[in-house]
PDB file of N, CA and C in Angstrom:
ATOM      1  N   MET A   1      28.461   3.190   5.518  1.00  0.00           N
ATOM      2  CA  MET A   1      27.466   3.406   6.685  1.00  0.00           C
ATOM      3  C   MET A   1      26.054   3.617   6.283  1.00  0.00           C
ATOM      4  N   GLN A   2      25.956   4.770   5.813  1.00  0.00           N
ATOM      5  CA  GLN A   2      24.744   5.487   5.470  1.00  0.00           C
ATOM      6  C   GLN A   2      24.186   4.711   3.920  1.00  0.00           C
ATOM      7  N   PHE A   3      24.836   3.894   3.109  1.00  0.00           N
ATOM      8  CA  PHE A   3      24.262   3.562   2.135  1.00  0.00           C
ATOM      9  C   PHE A   3      23.601   2.019   2.894  1.00  0.00           C
ATOM     10  N   ALA A   4      24.192   1.428   3.493  1.00  0.00           N
ATOM     11  CA  ALA A   4      23.629   0.259   4.317  1.00  0.00           C
ATOM     12  C   ALA A   4      22.357   0.749   4.846  1.00  0.00           C
ATOM     13  N   LYS A   5      22.616   1.816   5.527  1.00  0.00           N
ATOM     14  CA  LYS A   5      21.211   2.341   6.745  1.00  0.00           C
ATOM     15  C   LYS A   5      19.873   2.512   5.485  1.00  0.00           C
ATOM     16  N   ALA A   6      20.595   3.332   4.563  1.00  0.00           N
ATOM     17  CA  ALA A   6      19.363   3.743   3.850  1.00  0.00           C
ATOM     18  C   ALA A   6      18.937   2.152   2.634  1.00  0.00           C
ATOM     19  N   LYS A   7      19.663   1.270   2.502  1.00  0.00           N
ATOM     20  CA  LYS A   7      19.356   0.192   1.924  1.00  0.00           C
ATOM     21  C   LYS A   7      18.333  -0.674   3.147  1.00  0.00           C
ATOM     22  N   ASN A   8      18.624  -0.818   4.421  1.00  0.00           N
ATOM     23  CA  ASN A   8      17.664  -1.034   5.170  1.00  0.00           C
ATOM     24  C   ASN A   8      16.458  -0.551   5.244  1.00  0.00           C
ATOM     25  N   HIS A   9      16.240   0.924   5.188  1.00  0.00           N
ATOM     26  CA  HIS A   9      15.105   1.624   5.263  1.00  0.00           C
ATOM     27  C   HIS A   9      14.379   0.973   4.135  1.00  0.00           C
ATOM     28  N   GLN A  10      15.059   1.230   2.800  1.00  0.00           N
ATOM     29  CA  GLN A  10      14.026   0.615   1.849  1.00  0.00           C
ATOM     30  C   GLN A  10      13.513  -0.828   1.843  1.00  0.00           C
ATOM     31  N   ASN A  11      14.292  -1.583   2.471  1.00  0.00           N
ATOM     32  CA  ASN A  11      13.841  -2.704   2.348  1.00  0.00           C
ATOM     33  C   ASN A  11      12.521  -3.020   3.669  1.00  0.00           C
ATOM     34  N   ILE A  12      12.692  -2.369   4.699  1.00  0.00           N
ATOM     35  CA  ILE A  12      11.515  -2.381   5.517  1.00  0.00           C
ATOM     36  C   ILE A  12      10.472  -1.587   4.855  1.00  0.00           C
ATOM     37  N   ALA A  13      10.763  -0.491   4.223  1.00  0.00           N
ATOM     38  CA  ALA A  13       9.663  -0.083   3.063  1.00  0.00           C
ATOM     39  C   ALA A  13       9.092  -0.883   2.160  1.00  0.00           C
ATOM     40  N   ASP A  14       9.645  -1.243   1.893  1.00  0.00           N
ATOM     41  CA  ASP A  14       8.978  -2.762   1.129  1.00  0.00           C
ATOM     42  C   ASP A  14       8.231  -3.781   1.514  1.00  0.00           C
ATOM     43  N   LYS A  15       8.814  -4.167   2.810  1.00  0.00           N
ATOM     44  CA  LYS A  15       7.894  -5.075   3.437  1.00  0.00           C
ATOM     45  C   LYS A  15       6.621  -4.510   3.816  1.00  0.00           C
ATOM     46  N   LEU A  16       6.654  -3.155   4.349  1.00  0.00           N
ATOM     47  CA  LEU A  16       5.455  -2.399   5.107  1.00  0.00           C
ATOM     48  C   LEU A  16       4.677  -2.499   3.989  1.00  0.00           C
ATOM     49  N   TRP A  17       4.958  -2.074   2.686  1.00  0.00           N
ATOM     50  CA  TRP A  17       3.992  -1.720   1.543  1.00  0.00           C
ATOM     51  C   TRP A  17       3.284  -3.192   1.575  1.00  0.00           C
ATOM     52  N   LEU A  18       4.119  -4.449   1.206  1.00  0.00           N
ATOM     53  CA  LEU A  18       3.202  -5.443   0.729  1.00  0.00           C
ATOM     54  C   LEU A  18       2.393  -5.926   2.024  1.00  0.00           C
ATOM     55  N   VAL A  19       2.696  -5.374   3.211  1.00  0.00           N
ATOM     56  CA  VAL A  19       1.610  -5.506   4.351  1.00  0.00           C
ATOM     57  C   VAL A  19       0.285  -4.790   4.179  1.00  0.00           C
ATOM     58  N   ARG A  20       0.785  -3.377   3.876  1.00  0.00           N
ATOM     59  CA  ARG A  20      -0.345  -2.569   3.585  1.00  0.00           C
ATOM     60  C   ARG A  20      -1.299  -2.997   2.446  1.00  0.00           C
ATOM     61  N   GLU A  21      -0.574  -3.749   1.277  1.00  0.00           N
ATOM     62  CA  GLU A  21      -1.696  -4.166   0.244  1.00  0.00           C
ATOM     63  C   GLU A  21      -2.231  -5.316   0.902  1.00  0.00           C
ATOM     64  N   LYS A  22      -2.026  -5.993   2.144  1.00  0.00           N
ATOM     65  CA  LYS A  22      -2.674  -7.253   2.456  1.00  0.00           C
ATOM     66  C   LYS A  22      -3.893  -6.715   3.196  1.00  0.00           C
ATOM     67  N   TYR A  23      -3.680  -5.653   3.449  1.00  0.00           N
ATOM     68  CA  TYR A  23      -4.929  -4.959   4.471  1.00  0.00           C
ATOM     69  C   TYR A  23      -5.999  -4.747   3.369  1.00  0.00           C
ATOM     70  N   VAL A  24      -5.504  -3.964   2.388  1.00  0.00           N
ATOM     71  CA  VAL A  24      -6.200  -3.509   1.397  1.00  0.00           C
ATOM     72  C   VAL A  24      -7.013  -4.626   0.838  1.00  0.00           C
ATOM     73  N   SER A  25      -6.285  -5.748   0.758  1.00  0.00           N
ATOM     74  CA  SER A  25      -7.132  -6.828   0.029  1.00  0.00           C
ATOM     75  C   SER A  25      -8.145  -7.590   0.906  1.00  0.00           C
ATOM     76  N   LEU A  26      -7.738  -7.408   2.319  1.00  0.00           N
ATOM     77  CA  LEU A  26      -8.430  -7.876   3.394  1.00  0.00           C
ATOM     78  C   LEU A  26      -9.900  -7.115   3.346  1.00  0.00           C
ATOM     79  N   LEU A  27      -9.633  -5.637   3.321  1.00  0.00           N
ATOM     80  CA  LEU A  27     -10.763  -4.637   3.745  1.00  0.00           C
ATOM     81  C   LEU A  27     -11.444  -5.158   2.320  1.00  0.00           C
ATOM     82  N   THR A  28     -11.167  -5.433   1.069  1.00  0.00           N
ATOM     83  CA  THR A  28     -11.941  -5.890  -0.378  1.00  0.00           C
ATOM     84  C   THR A  28     -12.517  -7.139  -0.046  1.00  0.00           C
ATOM     85  N   ASP A  29     -12.285  -8.030   0.651  1.00  0.00           N
ATOM     86  CA  ASP A  29     -12.721  -9.413   0.846  1.00  0.00           C
ATOM     87  C   ASP A  29     -13.870  -9.455   2.568  1.00  0.00           C
ATOM     88  N   LEU A  30     -13.817  -8.318   2.894  1.00  0.00           N
ATOM     89  CA  LEU A  30     -14.403  -8.254   4.297  1.00  0.00           C
ATOM     90  C   LEU A  30     -15.763  -8.794   4.230  1.00  0.00           C
ATOM     91  N   ASN A  31     -16.624  -8.797   3.020  1.00  0.00           N
ATOM     92  CA  ASN A  31     -17.900  -9.386   2.930  1.00  0.00           C
ATOM     93  C   ASN A  31     -18.292 -10.510   2.648  1.00  0.00           C
ATOM     94  N   ARG A  32     -16.839 -11.156   2.416  1.00  0.00           N
ATOM     95  CA  ARG A  32     -17.063 -12.912   1.656  1.00  0.00           C
ATOM     96  C   ARG A  32     -16.399 -13.576   2.861  1.00  0.00           C
ATOM     97  N   LEU A  33     -15.856 -13.231   3.718  1.00  0.00           N
ATOM     98  CA  LEU A  33     -15.080 -13.885   4.574  1.00  0.00           C
ATOM     99  C   LEU A  33     -15.875 -13.932   6.131  1.00  0.00           C
ATOM    100  N   SER A  34     -15.473 -14.890   7.076  1.00  0.00           N
ATOM    101  CA  SER A  34     -16.317 -14.918   8.055  1.00  0.00           C
ATOM    102  C   SER A  34     -15.664 -14.053   9.104  1.00  0.00           C
ATOM    103  N   ILE A  35     -16.048 -13.825  10.083  1.00  0.00           N
ATOM    104  CA  ILE A  35     -15.501 -12.867  11.547  1.00  0.00           C
ATOM    105  C   ILE A  35     -14.382 -13.803  12.089  1.00  0.00           C
ATOM    106  N   ASN A  36     -14.091 -14.898  12.104  1.00  0.00           N
ATOM    107  CA  ASN A  36     -12.932 -15.346  12.528  1.00  0.00           C
ATOM    108  C   ASN A  36     -11.677 -15.603  11.540  1.00  0.00           C
ATOM    109  N   ASP A  37     -12.233 -15.829  10.073  1.00  0.00           N
ATOM    110  CA  ASP A  37     -11.400 -15.567   9.056  1.00  0.00           C
ATOM    111  C   ASP A  37     -10.660 -14.035   9.212  1.00  0.00           C
ATOM    112  N   ILE A  38     -11.452 -13.258   9.419  1.00  0.00           N
ATOM    113  CA  ILE A  38     -11.105 -11.886   9.409  1.00  0.00           C
ATOM    114  C   ILE A  38     -10.259 -11.398  10.622  1.00  0.00           C
ATOM    115  N   THR A  39     -10.529 -11.804  11.628  1.00  0.00           N
ATOM    116  CA  THR A  39      -9.533 -11.761  12.813  1.00  0.00           C
ATOM    117  C   THR A  39      -8.342 -12.315  12.919  1.00  0.00           C
ATOM    118  N   ASN A  40      -8.311 -13.848  12.400  1.00  0.00           N
ATOM    119  CA  ASN A  40      -7.278 -14.810  12.038  1.00  0.00           C
ATOM    120  C   ASN A  40      -6.097 -13.669  11.209  1.00  0.00           C
ATOM    121  N   GLU A  41      -6.578 -13.343   9.833  1.00  0.00           N
ATOM    122  CA  GLU A  41      -5.981 -12.475   8.750  1.00  0.00           C
ATOM    123  C   GLU A  41      -5.249 -11.146   9.626  1.00  0.00           C
ATOM    124  N   ARG A  42      -6.355 -10.783  10.393  1.00  0.00           N
ATOM    125  CA  ARG A  42      -5.532  -9.308  11.113  1.00  0.00           C
ATOM    126  C   ARG A  42      -4.534  -9.522  12.034  1.00  0.00           C
ATOM    127  N   ASP A  43      -4.909 -10.190  12.720  1.00  0.00           N
ATOM    128  CA  ASP A  43      -4.009 -10.672  13.868  1.00  0.00           C
ATOM    129  C   ASP A  43      -2.276 -11.223  13.239  1.00  0.00           C
ATOM    130  N   THR A  44      -2.603 -12.065  12.014  1.00  0.00           N
ATOM    131  CA  THR A  44      -1.217 -12.200  11.619  1.00  0.00           C
ATOM    132  C   THR A  44      -0.418 -11.290  10.824  1.00  0.00           C
ATOM    133  N   LEU A  45      -1.515 -10.208  10.436  1.00  0.00           N
ATOM    134  CA  LEU A  45      -0.876  -9.010   9.633  1.00  0.00           C
ATOM    135  C   LEU A  45      -0.437  -8.309  10.722  1.00  0.00           C
ATOM    136  N   MET A  46      -0.734  -8.168  11.754  1.00  0.00           N
ATOM    137  CA  MET A  46      -0.121  -7.361  13.304  1.00  0.00           C
ATOM    138  C   MET A  46       1.008  -8.103  13.480  1.00  0.00           C
ATOM    139  N   HIS A  47       1.053  -9.060  13.494  1.00  0.00           N
ATOM    140  CA  HIS A  47       2.332  -9.992  13.920  1.00  0.00           C
ATOM    141  C   HIS A  47       3.475  -9.801  12.701  1.00  0.00           C
ATOM    142  N   GLU A  48       2.924  -9.892  11.778  1.00  0.00           N
ATOM    143  CA  GLU A  48       3.911  -9.563  10.392  1.00  0.00           C
ATOM    144  C   GLU A  48       4.165  -8.119  10.832  1.00  0.00           C
ATOM    145  N   THR A  49       3.600  -7.081  10.726  1.00  0.00           N
ATOM    146  CA  THR A  49       3.897  -5.591  11.050  1.00  0.00           C
ATOM    147  C   THR A  49       5.277  -5.617  12.424  1.00  0.00           C
ATOM    148  N   HIS A  50       4.669  -6.027  13.286  1.00  0.00           N
ATOM    149  CA  HIS A  50       5.482  -6.164  14.577  1.00  0.00           C
ATOM    150  C   HIS A  50       6.737  -7.037  14.470  1.00  0.00           C
ATOM    151  N   GLU A  51       7.059  -7.635  13.565  1.00  0.00           N
ATOM    152  CA  GLU A  51       7.990  -8.525  13.224  1.00  0.00           C
ATOM    153  C   GLU A  51       9.238  -7.609  11.939  1.00  0.00           C
ATOM    154  N   ILE A  52       8.507  -7.026  11.159  1.00  0.00           N
ATOM    155  CA  ILE A  52       9.090  -6.008  10.401  1.00  0.00           C
ATOM    156  C   ILE A  52       9.719  -5.080  11.066  1.00  0.00           C
ATOM    157  N   TYR A  53       8.789  -4.349  12.184  1.00  0.00           N
ATOM    158  CA  TYR A  53       9.689  -3.094  12.737  1.00  0.00           C
ATOM    159  C   TYR A  53      10.470  -3.529  13.787  1.00  0.00           C
ATOM    160  N   ILE A  54      10.618  -4.652  14.144  1.00  0.00           N
ATOM    161  CA  ILE A  54      11.586  -5.500  14.811  1.00  0.00           C
ATOM    162  C   ILE A  54      13.246  -4.969  14.532  1.00  0.00           C
ATOM    163  N   SER A  55      12.571  -6.026  13.411  1.00  0.00           N
ATOM    164  CA  SER A  55      14.112  -5.586  12.351  1.00  0.00           C
ATOM    165  C   SER A  55      14.615  -4.611  11.612  1.00  0.00           C
ATOM    166  N   ALA A  56      13.648  -3.601  11.569  1.00  0.00           N
ATOM    167  CA  ALA A  56      14.320  -2.179  11.368  1.00  0.00           C
ATOM    168  C   ALA A  56      15.312  -1.284  12.320  1.00  0.00           C
ATOM    169  N   SER A  57      16.068  -0.831  11.592  1.00  0.00           N
ATOM    170  CA  SER A  57      17.275   0.079  12.148  1.00  0.00           C
ATOM    171  C   SER A  57      16.404   0.999  13.002  1.00  0.00           C
ATOM    172  N   LYS A  58      17.247   1.148  14.283  1.00  0.00           N
ATOM    173  CA  LYS A  58      16.563   2.119  15.319  1.00  0.00           C
ATOM    174  C   LYS A  58      17.007   3.639  14.780  1.00  0.00           C
ATOM    175  N   THR A  59      16.141   4.255  15.244  1.00  0.00           N
ATOM    176  CA  THR A  59      16.026   6.157  14.864  1.00  0.00           C
ATOM    177  C   THR A  59      17.252   6.549  15.619  1.00  0.00           C
ATOM    178  N   ASP A  60      18.161   7.202  15.310  1.00  0.00           N
ATOM    179  CA  ASP A  60      18.868   8.036  16.013  1.00  0.00           C
ATOM    180  C   ASP A  60      18.173   9.533  16.319  1.00  0.00           C
ATOM    181  N   SER A  61      18.748  10.111  17.511  1.00  0.00           N
ATOM    182  CA  SER A  61      17.939  11.596  17.972  1.00  0.00           C
ATOM    183  C   SER A  61      18.002  12.534  17.001  1.00  0.00           C
ATOM    184  N   LYS A  62      18.925  12.662  15.912  1.00  0.00           N
ATOM    185  CA  LYS A  62      18.997  13.733  14.944  1.00  0.00           C
ATOM    186  C   LYS A  62      17.806  13.276  13.710  1.00  0.00           C
ATOM    187  N   SER A  63      17.754  12.051  13.570  1.00  0.00           N
ATOM    188  CA  SER A  63      16.643  11.504  12.557  1.00  0.00           C
ATOM    189  C   SER A  63      15.230  11.638  13.116  1.00  0.00           C
ATOM    190  N   TYR A  64      14.891  11.493  14.409  1.00  0.00           N
ATOM    191  CA  TYR A  64      14.016  11.578  15.128  1.00  0.00           C
ATOM    192  C   TYR A  64      13.252  13.299  15.203  1.00  0.00           C
ATOM    193  N   LYS A  65      14.111  14.112  15.334  1.00  0.00           N
ATOM    194  CA  LYS A  65      14.020  15.310  15.396  1.00  0.00           C
ATOM    195  C   LYS A  65      13.677  16.021  13.682  1.00  0.00           C
ATOM    196  N   LEU A  66      14.279  15.434  13.207  1.00  0.00           N
ATOM    197  CA  LEU A  66      14.153  15.997  11.435  1.00  0.00           C
ATOM    198  C   LEU A  66      12.850  15.332  11.529  1.00  0.00           C
ATOM    199  N   ALA A  67      12.178  14.021  11.601  1.00  0.00           N
ATOM    200  CA  ALA A  67      10.861  13.755  11.233  1.00  0.00           C
ATOM    201  C   ALA A  67       9.755  14.280  12.124  1.00  0.00           C
ATOM    202  N   GLN A  68      10.361  14.550  13.495  1.00  0.00           N
ATOM    203  CA  GLN A  68       9.440  15.335  14.406  1.00  0.00           C
ATOM    204  C   GLN A  68       8.830  16.617  13.791  1.00  0.00           C
ATOM    205  N   ARG A  69       9.931  17.112  13.131  1.00  0.00           N
ATOM    206  CA  ARG A  69       9.495  18.379  12.835  1.00  0.00           C
ATOM    207  C   ARG A  69       8.751  18.429  11.266  1.00  0.00           C
ATOM    208  N   ALA A  70       9.228  17.586  10.480  1.00  0.00           N
ATOM    209  CA  ALA A  70       8.599  17.423   9.323  1.00  0.00           C
ATOM    210  C   ALA A  70       6.811  17.003   9.442  1.00  0.00           C
ATOM    211  N   LEU A  71       6.918  16.292  10.507  1.00  0.00           N
ATOM    212  CA  LEU A  71       5.358  15.623  10.807  1.00  0.00           C
ATOM    213  C   LEU A  71       4.768  17.119  11.577  1.00  0.00           C
ATOM    214  N   LYS A  72       5.206  17.844  12.207  1.00  0.00           N
ATOM    215  CA  LYS A  72       4.631  19.053  12.888  1.00  0.00           C
ATOM    216  C   LYS A  72       4.310  20.133  11.980  1.00  0.00           C
ATOM    217  N   SER A  73       5.331  20.634  11.455  1.00  0.00           N
ATOM    218  CA  SER A  73       4.985  21.703  10.615  1.00  0.00           C
ATOM    219  C   SER A  73       4.958  21.626   8.891  1.00  0.00           C
ATOM    220  N   GLU A  74       5.569  20.297   8.340  1.00  0.00           N
ATOM    221  CA  GLU A  74       5.243  20.330   7.073  1.00  0.00           C
ATOM    222  C   GLU A  74       4.166  19.274   6.667  1.00  0.00           C
ATOM    223  N   GLU A  75       3.724  18.899   7.671  1.00  0.00           N
ATOM    224  CA  GLU A  75       2.400  17.922   7.259  1.00  0.00           C
ATOM    225  C   GLU A  75       2.388  16.862   6.469  1.00  0.00           C
ATOM    226  N   GLU A  76       3.870  16.309   6.749  1.00  0.00           N
ATOM    227  CA  GLU A  76       3.878  14.912   5.903  1.00  0.00           C
ATOM    228  C   GLU A  76       3.058  13.671   6.667  1.00  0.00           C
ATOM    229  N   GLN A  77       2.862  13.070   6.080  1.00  0.00           N
ATOM    230  CA  GLN A  77       1.983  11.873   6.299  1.00  0.00           C
ATOM    231  C   GLN A  77       0.450  11.976   6.648  1.00  0.00           C
ATOM    232  N   PHE A  78       0.335  13.030   6.325  1.00  0.00           N
ATOM    233  CA  PHE A  78      -1.211  13.540   6.522  1.00  0.00           C
ATOM    234  C   PHE A  78      -2.050  13.125   4.869  1.00  0.00           C
ATOM    235  N   PHE A  79      -3.114  12.453   4.793  1.00  0.00           N
ATOM    236  CA  PHE A  79      -3.836  12.128   4.037  1.00  0.00           C
ATOM    237  C   PHE A  79      -5.187  13.117   3.648  1.00  0.00           C
ATOM    238  N   THR A  80      -5.429  13.548   2.452  1.00  0.00           N
ATOM    239  CA  THR A  80      -7.003  14.135   2.424  1.00  0.00           C
ATOM    240  C   THR A  80      -7.671  13.009   2.598  1.00  0.00           C
ATOM    241  N   GLU A  81      -9.325  13.370   2.497  1.00  0.00           N
ATOM    242  CA  GLU A  81     -10.083  12.460   2.443  1.00  0.00           C
ATOM    243  C   GLU A  81     -10.170  11.664   0.870  1.00  0.00           C
ATOM    244  N   GLU A  82     -10.136  12.521   0.056  1.00  0.00           N
ATOM    245  CA  GLU A  82      -9.668  12.098  -1.181  1.00  0.00           C
ATOM    246  C   GLU A  82      -8.709  11.007  -1.655  1.00  0.00           C
ATOM    247  N   GLU A  83      -7.686  11.691  -0.895  1.00  0.00           N
ATOM    248  CA  GLU A  83      -6.330  10.595  -1.152  1.00  0.00           C
ATOM    249  C   GLU A  83      -6.525   9.016  -0.680  1.00  0.00           C
ATOM    250  N   LEU A  84      -7.439   9.385   0.533  1.00  0.00           N
ATOM    251  CA  LEU A  84      -7.515   8.137   1.315  1.00  0.00           C
ATOM    252  C   LEU A  84      -8.599   7.038   0.492  1.00  0.00           C
ATOM    253  N   ASP A  85      -9.794   7.810  -0.030  1.00  0.00           N
ATOM    254  CA  ASP A  85     -10.590   7.173  -0.716  1.00  0.00           C
ATOM    255  C   ASP A  85      -9.772   6.524  -2.130  1.00  0.00           C
ATOM    256  N   LYS A  86      -8.870   6.902  -2.697  1.00  0.00           N
ATOM    257  CA  LYS A  86      -8.448   6.342  -3.843  1.00  0.00           C
ATOM    258  C   LYS A  86      -7.628   5.203  -3.367  1.00  0.00           C
ATOM    259  N   ILE A  87      -7.285   5.003  -2.092  1.00  0.00           N
ATOM    260  CA  ILE A  87      -6.489   3.929  -1.503  1.00  0.00           C
ATOM    261  C   ILE A  87      -7.434   2.572  -1.423  1.00  0.00           C
ATOM    262  N   LEU A  88      -8.582   2.848  -0.974  1.00  0.00           N
ATOM    263  CA  LEU A  88      -9.954   1.930  -0.772  1.00  0.00           C
ATOM    264  C   LEU A  88     -10.046   1.241  -1.724  1.00  0.00           C
ATOM    265  N   PRO A  89     -10.818   0.131  -1.894  1.00  0.00           N
ATOM    266  CA  PRO A  89     -11.461  -0.544  -2.617  1.00  0.00           C
ATOM    267  C   PRO A  89     -12.971   0.441  -2.960  1.00  0.00           C
ATOM    268  N   ASP A  90     -13.552   0.401  -4.319  1.00  0.00           N
ATOM    269  CA  ASP A  90     -14.575   1.223  -4.779  1.00  0.00           C
ATOM    270  C   ASP A  90     -15.650   1.140  -3.838  1.00  0.00           C
ATOM    271  N   HIS A  91     -15.912   0.006  -3.505  1.00  0.00           N
ATOM    272  CA  HIS A  91     -17.177  -0.321  -2.426  1.00  0.00           C
ATOM    273  C   HIS A  91     -16.831  -0.173  -0.929  1.00  0.00           C
ATOM    274  N   LEU A  92     -15.820   0.365  -0.774  1.00  0.00           N
ATOM    275  CA  LEU A  92     -15.442   1.040   0.781  1.00  0.00           C
ATOM    276  C   LEU A  92     -15.286   2.487   0.614  1.00  0.00           C
ATOM    277  N   ARG A  93     -15.196   3.124  -0.364  1.00  0.00           N
ATOM    278  CA  ARG A  93     -15.041   4.552  -0.498  1.00  0.00           C
ATOM    279  C   ARG A  93     -16.120   5.676  -0.216  1.00  0.00           C
ATOM    280  N   ARG A  94     -15.929   6.437   0.787  1.00  0.00           N
ATOM    281  CA  ARG A  94     -17.023   7.208   0.904  1.00  0.00           C
ATOM    282  C   ARG A  94     -17.682   8.016  -0.397  1.00  0.00           C
ATOM    283  N   LYS A  95     -16.858   8.548  -0.844  1.00  0.00           N
ATOM    284  CA  LYS A  95     -17.023   9.190  -2.338  1.00  0.00           C
ATOM    285  C   LYS A  95     -17.491   8.245  -3.488  1.00  0.00           C
ATOM    286  N   SER A  96     -18.397   8.552  -4.509  1.00  0.00           N
ATOM    287  CA  SER A  96     -18.336   7.719  -5.491  1.00  0.00           C
ATOM    288  C   SER A  96     -17.039   7.930  -6.289  1.00  0.00           C
ATOM    289  N   SER A  97     -16.533   7.155  -7.315  1.00  0.00           N
ATOM    290  CA  SER A  97     -15.580   7.225  -8.144  1.00  0.00           C
ATOM    291  C   SER A  97     -15.478   8.432  -9.512  1.00  0.00           C
ATOM    292  N   ALA A  98     -17.097   8.751  -9.573  1.00  0.00           N
ATOM    293  CA  ALA A  98     -17.255   9.854 -10.203  1.00  0.00           C
ATOM    294  C   ALA A  98     -17.034  11.070  -9.974  1.00  0.00           C
ATOM    295  N   SER A  99     -16.318  11.485  -8.721  1.00  0.00           N
ATOM    296  CA  SER A  99     -16.483  12.583  -8.301  1.00  0.00           C
ATOM    297  C   SER A  99     -14.742  13.118  -8.531  1.00  0.00           C
TER     298      SER A  99
END
């Protein structure tokens, strides 16, 4: 049971990673796409994300409490500005890549 649950979580994580990469690509292409194309792609990605979450295993109360504690006290899922800059394409970064 735990193996199947872990495999499902890994599958969902892989799918969400791909959506994240598509968002980064969209950000990279912003200045060459029309507003209509950007909006359509954004809407497609939102729908894709929604479908992924629908297929994800539901969280039980024990897992929820563990995640809540990790987010509050251990500050998991928080990124520094420097970490966020590294995710973005060069031309969208706040800081120059030389710093």
